Amino acid sequence: MESVVETVPPGSSELGASEQNPAPEEWTSLAHLSVPLSVSIPLPQISLGGLMALAPGQILVSHWPTNHDVPLSAGEVFLAMVDFERVGDQLGVRLSGFQMKAQTT
């Protein structure tokens, strides 16, 4: 069975302690803190004129290969590489491994 971790929506008071990856003892006092996570796919640069000309329904094509994982970050701190997964009617990410650097195209 797959391991699905439900994340806590912003503003929720529910804790998300992880028993699978125990933190060092000195971190236990911080375990209740919530950290916003993000994944990002780089898009090509666009001129200001092109940006102002965007209209609903237009597609901005990323040059990120579909077979490459995307970086997962907490703020400016890189955490791991992930790939997108469908989880019911929502989009999730699967951890593919912790690496020292994010992949670049």
Protein backbone atom coordinates (compact mmCIF):
# COMPACT_ATOMS: atom_id res chain seq x y z
CA MET A 1 0.00 0.00 0.00
CA GLU A 2 1.24 3.49 -0.84
CA SER A 3 2.16 5.90 1.91
CA VAL A 4 0.12 9.09 1.56
CA VAL A 5 0.87 11.95 3.95
CA GLU A 6 -1.93 14.47 4.30
CA THR A 7 -0.54 17.96 4.63
CA VAL A 8 -2.15 20.48 6.95
CA PRO A 9 -3.88 23.45 5.29
CA PRO A 10 -2.47 26.88 6.21
CA GLY A 11 -4.00 28.20 9.42
CA SER A 12 -4.88 24.75 10.76
CA SER A 13 -3.81 23.90 14.29
CA GLU A 14 -3.39 20.18 13.55
CA LEU A 15 0.12 18.84 14.13
CA GLY A 16 1.96 16.74 11.56
CA ALA A 17 4.62 14.91 13.54
CA SER A 18 6.64 12.39 11.57
CA GLU A 19 7.48 9.14 13.28
CA GLN A 20 9.16 7.71 10.17
CA ASN A 21 11.99 10.26 10.17
CA PRO A 22 12.86 11.09 13.77
CA ALA A 23 14.48 14.49 14.21
CA PRO A 24 17.52 15.14 16.37
CA GLU A 25 16.62 15.71 20.03
CA GLU A 26 17.38 19.41 19.86
CA TRP A 27 14.69 19.79 17.17
CA THR A 28 11.85 18.31 19.21
CA SER A 29 10.90 21.72 20.60
CA LEU A 30 10.38 22.90 17.00
CA ALA A 31 8.37 19.88 15.81
CA HIS A 32 5.04 21.73 16.12
CA LEU A 33 6.05 24.49 13.68
CA SER A 34 4.38 24.53 10.30
CA VAL A 35 6.57 24.96 7.21
CA PRO A 36 5.11 25.94 3.82
CA LEU A 37 6.33 23.66 1.04
CA SER A 38 6.44 24.39 -2.66
CA VAL A 39 7.34 22.74 -5.93
CA SER A 40 8.22 24.85 -8.92
CA ILE A 41 8.72 24.28 -12.60
CA PRO A 42 10.80 26.96 -14.30
CA LEU A 43 9.15 28.72 -17.22
CA PRO A 44 11.02 30.56 -19.97
CA GLN A 45 11.48 34.30 -19.58
CA ILE A 46 8.83 36.51 -21.06
CA SER A 47 9.01 40.19 -21.93
CA LEU A 48 6.92 42.65 -19.99
CA GLY A 49 4.90 43.27 -23.16
CA GLY A 50 4.32 39.53 -23.54
CA LEU A 51 3.29 39.30 -19.92
CA MET A 52 0.80 42.15 -20.34
CA ALA A 53 -0.62 40.45 -23.46
CA LEU A 54 -1.42 37.18 -21.67
CA ALA A 55 -5.06 36.15 -21.79
CA PRO A 56 -7.07 33.43 -20.02
CA GLY A 57 -6.66 30.05 -21.70
CA GLN A 58 -3.15 30.67 -22.99
CA ILE A 59 -0.56 28.05 -22.14
CA LEU A 60 2.97 28.87 -21.03
CA VAL A 61 5.17 25.94 -22.02
CA SER A 62 7.90 24.89 -19.64
CA HIS A 63 11.09 23.48 -21.07
CA TRP A 64 11.29 21.14 -18.07
CA PRO A 65 11.37 17.54 -19.36
CA THR A 66 8.37 15.45 -18.29
CA ASN A 67 10.68 12.64 -17.19
CA HIS A 68 12.60 14.87 -14.72
CA ASP A 69 11.59 15.22 -11.10
CA VAL A 70 10.90 18.70 -9.76
CA PRO A 71 12.47 20.35 -6.69
CA LEU A 72 10.56 20.47 -3.39
CA SER A 73 11.49 23.44 -1.19
CA ALA A 74 10.66 24.96 2.16
CA GLY A 75 11.05 28.66 1.44
CA GLU A 76 14.45 29.04 -0.20
CA VAL A 77 15.75 25.71 1.20
CA PHE A 78 15.88 22.77 -1.23
CA LEU A 79 14.61 19.57 0.41
CA ALA A 80 14.17 16.81 -2.15
CA MET A 81 13.21 15.88 -5.68
CA VAL A 82 9.60 14.83 -6.27
CA ASP A 83 7.34 13.78 -9.10
CA PHE A 84 3.69 14.65 -9.53
CA GLU A 85 1.05 12.05 -8.67
CA ARG A 86 -2.71 12.05 -8.93
CA VAL A 87 -4.30 11.36 -5.53
CA GLY A 88 -8.04 11.04 -6.05
CA ASP A 89 -9.15 14.36 -7.50
CA GLN A 90 -6.09 16.22 -6.18
CA LEU A 91 -2.52 16.62 -7.28
CA GLY A 92 0.22 15.37 -4.97
CA VAL A 93 3.95 14.79 -5.13
CA ARG A 94 5.93 11.61 -4.49
CA LEU A 95 9.32 11.90 -2.85
CA SER A 96 11.82 10.30 -5.17
CA GLY A 97 14.82 10.90 -2.97
CA PHE A 98 16.79 13.43 -1.04
CA GLN A 99 19.58 14.89 -3.14
CA MET A 100 22.16 17.56 -2.53
CA LYS A 101 21.12 19.76 -5.47
CA ALA A 102 18.05 20.31 -7.60
CA GLN A 103 18.19 19.14 -11.21
CA THR A 104 18.58 21.85 -13.81
CA THR A 105 17.71 21.79 -17.45
